[in-house]
Amino acid sequence: MITELIRGFILLAIFTAIVGGAYPLAVTGIAQFAMPSQANGSLIEKDGQVVGSELIGQNFADPKYFWPRPSAAGANGYDGASSSGSNYGPSSAKLLAAVTDKAKAVSEASEGRKAPIDLVTSSGSGLDPHISPLSAYLQVVRISKFRGLREEDVRSVVQANLEQRSLGLFGEPRVNVLKMNLALDALPPR
């Protein structure tokens, strides 16, 4: 009986070392070698400072920037440590009020045009860093006005950051809001 107990503890120690130590180290090493940017969070730097990640949405409320999807992650939204949706159902009065308020704000800022669904509803994680090309193009007039840029220059930022379907099959065309806003900041003023 004691020998079986000792064997059990030895096996526990061996498998703990393999599954809890060797395997994670091997996977981390392979990831660091094969795709270091993704393994480190797909961080975006500007002037040597990390300004965000390609994978986590940020709030941009200033009218001279592209606006992201709304976020329900955390108390004030866009909290990477509190990733979640609102969990409101389709019949929720709170969801209807939030979507109506956001749609009104987007429409007012877009010369009365109707807001695309992704600018008024949050994603399941609440941290989606992308918007649809339609949502980006809707914001071109506002951004060009507030930045004093030609609309063609702002449209070219959208076009340069357009990402197609993954592997040509999965997902929808999209643009990363942080990347577009950094590209806007890099444009020379007119």
Foldseek 3Di string as FASTA:
>chain_A
DVVVVVVVVVVVVVVCCVVVPVVVVVVLVVCCVPPVCVSVQQFDDDPNHTPGHLAFADADPDLLAQGFFAFPFDPRARDPVRFAFPPDDPVDPVLVVQLVVQQVVLCVLQVNDGADPRNRGADGRRTGQKDALVSQLSSLVSNCVVQVHDSVVLNVLSVVQWDQAVVNDHDHIIGGRVSSRVVSVVDDGD
